[in-house]
Protein backbone atom coordinates (compact mmCIF):
# COMPACT_ATOMS: atom_id res chain seq x y z
CA UNK A 1 258.63 -64.92 133.43
CA UNK A 2 255.88 -66.70 131.60
CA UNK A 3 257.62 -70.08 131.88
CA UNK A 4 258.13 -69.58 135.63
CA UNK A 5 254.43 -68.82 136.03
CA UNK A 6 253.50 -71.96 134.11
CA UNK A 7 255.89 -74.08 136.22
CA UNK A 8 254.39 -72.67 139.38
CA UNK A 9 250.89 -73.45 138.20
CA UNK A 10 251.95 -76.98 137.28
CA UNK A 11 253.57 -77.52 140.72
CA UNK A 12 250.50 -76.23 142.59
CA UNK A 13 248.25 -78.35 140.41
CA UNK A 14 250.28 -81.45 141.16
CA UNK A 15 250.13 -80.72 144.89
CA UNK A 16 246.44 -80.29 144.76
CA UNK A 17 245.95 -83.41 142.70
CA UNK A 18 248.13 -85.38 145.05
CA UNK A 19 246.28 -83.82 147.99
CA UNK A 20 249.61 -82.92 149.60
CA UNK A 21 248.21 -79.85 151.39
CA UNK A 22 250.01 -76.97 152.95
CA UNK A 23 251.34 -77.27 156.55
CA UNK A 24 250.94 -74.08 158.52
CA UNK A 25 252.12 -73.33 162.09
CA UNK A 26 249.35 -72.71 164.59
CA UNK A 27 251.37 -71.91 167.72
CA UNK A 28 254.59 -72.65 169.60
CA UNK A 29 254.99 -74.37 172.93
CA UNK A 30 257.94 -73.80 175.27
CA UNK A 31 258.18 -76.61 177.74
CA UNK A 32 260.30 -76.02 180.87
CA UNK A 33 262.77 -78.93 180.52
CA UNK A 34 263.17 -78.91 176.78
CA UNK A 35 265.39 -76.23 175.12
CA UNK A 36 263.67 -76.43 171.74
CA UNK A 37 260.26 -74.88 171.09
CA UNK A 38 257.60 -77.28 169.87
CA UNK A 39 255.66 -75.92 166.92
CA UNK A 40 252.11 -77.24 166.56
CA UNK A 41 251.18 -77.35 162.87
CA UNK A 42 248.02 -78.20 160.91
CA UNK A 43 247.67 -79.07 157.26
CA UNK A 44 245.36 -77.15 154.94
CA UNK A 45 244.00 -79.39 152.16
CA UNK A 46 241.51 -78.85 149.38
CA UNK A 47 238.06 -79.18 150.98
CA UNK A 48 235.24 -81.45 149.92
CA UNK A 49 232.49 -80.03 147.72
CA UNK A 50 230.37 -79.10 150.71
CA UNK A 51 233.32 -77.33 152.28
CA UNK A 52 234.10 -75.64 149.00
CA UNK A 53 230.54 -74.27 148.89
CA UNK A 54 230.95 -72.93 152.44
CA UNK A 55 234.25 -71.33 151.64
CA UNK A 56 232.81 -69.82 148.43
CA UNK A 57 229.87 -68.38 150.39
CA UNK A 58 232.20 -66.88 152.97
CA UNK A 59 234.52 -65.48 150.31
CA UNK A 60 231.67 -63.87 148.37
CA UNK A 61 230.28 -62.29 151.52
CA UNK A 62 233.62 -60.47 152.02
CA UNK A 63 233.18 -58.54 148.75
CA UNK A 64 236.85 -58.43 147.78
CA UNK A 65 238.66 -60.02 144.83
CA UNK A 66 241.91 -61.95 144.84
CA UNK A 67 243.62 -59.29 142.77
CA UNK A 68 242.69 -56.65 145.32
CA UNK A 69 244.05 -58.74 148.16
CA UNK A 70 247.43 -59.21 146.46
CA UNK A 71 247.64 -55.42 146.12
CA UNK A 72 247.04 -54.63 149.75
CA UNK A 73 249.68 -52.66 151.66
CA UNK A 74 250.29 -53.29 155.42
CA UNK A 75 247.54 -50.99 156.65
CA UNK A 76 244.96 -52.44 154.25
CA UNK A 77 245.94 -55.98 155.28
CA UNK A 78 245.39 -55.08 158.95
CA UNK A 79 242.07 -53.43 158.19
CA UNK A 80 241.01 -56.45 156.15
CA UNK A 81 241.92 -58.84 159.00
CA UNK A 82 240.03 -56.68 161.51
CA UNK A 83 236.88 -56.67 159.39
CA UNK A 84 236.96 -60.24 158.09
CA UNK A 85 239.11 -62.14 160.61
CA UNK A 86 236.28 -64.41 161.75
CA UNK A 87 235.38 -65.37 158.14
CA UNK A 88 239.03 -65.97 157.23
CA UNK A 89 239.56 -68.21 160.28
CA UNK A 90 236.35 -70.15 159.35
CA UNK A 91 237.67 -70.61 155.83
CA UNK A 92 241.03 -71.87 157.07
CA UNK A 93 239.25 -74.24 159.52
CA UNK A 94 237.17 -75.64 156.65
CA UNK A 95 240.41 -76.52 154.81
CA UNK A 96 241.77 -78.27 157.89
CA UNK A 97 238.66 -80.18 158.85
CA UNK A 98 237.47 -82.03 155.76
CA UNK A 99 235.67 -85.10 157.03
CA UNK A 100 231.94 -85.31 157.69
CA UNK A 101 232.38 -85.61 161.49
CA UNK A 102 235.28 -83.23 161.82
CA UNK A 103 233.38 -80.53 159.90
CA UNK A 104 230.50 -80.72 162.32
CA UNK A 105 232.48 -81.20 165.52
CA UNK A 106 235.87 -79.53 165.08
CA UNK A 107 235.34 -76.71 162.57
CA UNK A 108 234.21 -74.17 165.20
CA UNK A 109 236.91 -74.92 167.74
CA UNK A 110 239.59 -75.03 164.97
CA UNK A 111 238.41 -71.60 163.72
CA UNK A 112 238.73 -70.30 167.32
CA UNK A 113 242.29 -71.79 167.58
CA UNK A 114 243.21 -70.16 164.29
CA UNK A 115 241.89 -66.81 165.49
CA UNK A 116 243.61 -66.98 168.91
CA UNK A 117 246.92 -68.61 168.07
CA UNK A 118 247.89 -68.07 164.39
CA UNK A 119 249.87 -64.97 163.51
CA UNK A 120 248.13 -62.47 161.19
CA UNK A 121 250.83 -62.87 158.56
CA UNK A 122 250.12 -66.63 158.31
CA UNK A 123 246.41 -66.09 158.29
CA UNK A 124 246.56 -63.68 155.36
CA UNK A 125 249.07 -65.87 153.57
CA UNK A 126 246.85 -68.92 153.99
CA UNK A 127 243.87 -66.93 152.65
CA UNK A 128 245.83 -65.64 149.65
CA UNK A 129 247.29 -69.04 148.82
CA UNK A 130 243.97 -70.84 149.14
CA UNK A 131 242.02 -68.33 147.05
CA UNK A 132 244.50 -68.85 144.15
CA UNK A 133 243.81 -72.58 144.32
CA UNK A 134 240.04 -72.23 144.21
CA UNK A 135 239.86 -71.60 140.49
CA UNK A 136 239.69 -74.25 137.74
CA UNK A 137 241.73 -72.39 135.05
CA UNK A 138 245.11 -74.04 135.82
CA UNK A 139 243.53 -77.53 135.58
CA UNK A 140 242.09 -77.21 132.07
CA UNK A 141 245.40 -78.26 130.33
CA UNK A 142 245.82 -81.08 132.80
CA UNK A 143 242.33 -82.39 132.15
CA UNK A 144 242.95 -82.25 128.39
CA UNK A 145 246.18 -84.18 128.87
CA UNK A 146 244.41 -86.81 131.01
CA UNK A 147 241.75 -87.25 128.30
CA UNK A 148 244.45 -87.85 125.66
CA UNK A 149 246.52 -90.22 127.81
CA UNK A 150 243.70 -92.28 129.26
CA UNK A 151 245.36 -95.50 130.63
CA UNK A 152 242.13 -97.48 130.16
CA UNK A 153 241.99 -96.84 126.39
CA UNK A 154 243.45 -99.80 124.41
CA UNK A 155 246.66 -99.04 122.54
CA UNK A 156 247.11 -99.73 118.83
CA UNK A 157 250.06 -102.04 119.30
CA UNK A 158 248.12 -104.33 121.66
CA UNK A 159 245.20 -105.01 119.35
CA UNK A 160 247.15 -107.46 117.21
CA UNK A 161 248.26 -109.58 120.18
CA UNK A 162 244.99 -109.17 122.11
CA UNK A 163 246.59 -108.29 125.42
């Protein structure tokens, strides 16, 4: 169990470091002449520092911890969404709109789209997944490893040849 948890943390850390993001479905379109449904998706990525400050402020205003959210049953999840749905949609919109212009122009409309179109299960799942990525604890071993394997530091074998 412990090794699976470490592997999951390493995988999530790599995704965050690579800025891969998490693609979430917003809504489905059913066009008359096409049999398939078209799913409109958006990608949640780690926000900039200003966005992270806004997300942290919204999260602290909710007054609930991540451990409490993971322990919610279905009724508590629905009550949480009813009380804090607007804040959750704003947090999700901050992770989707990361640029300077998009934060100012599209964050409000994106939060509205998330509130109106995204299913509650995906909203709560996005919230839970993103809150686990906010901490810095999983990155401490990675930072130590990066310090040890600095590619800019000269190697011992190359000092003799000077290359």
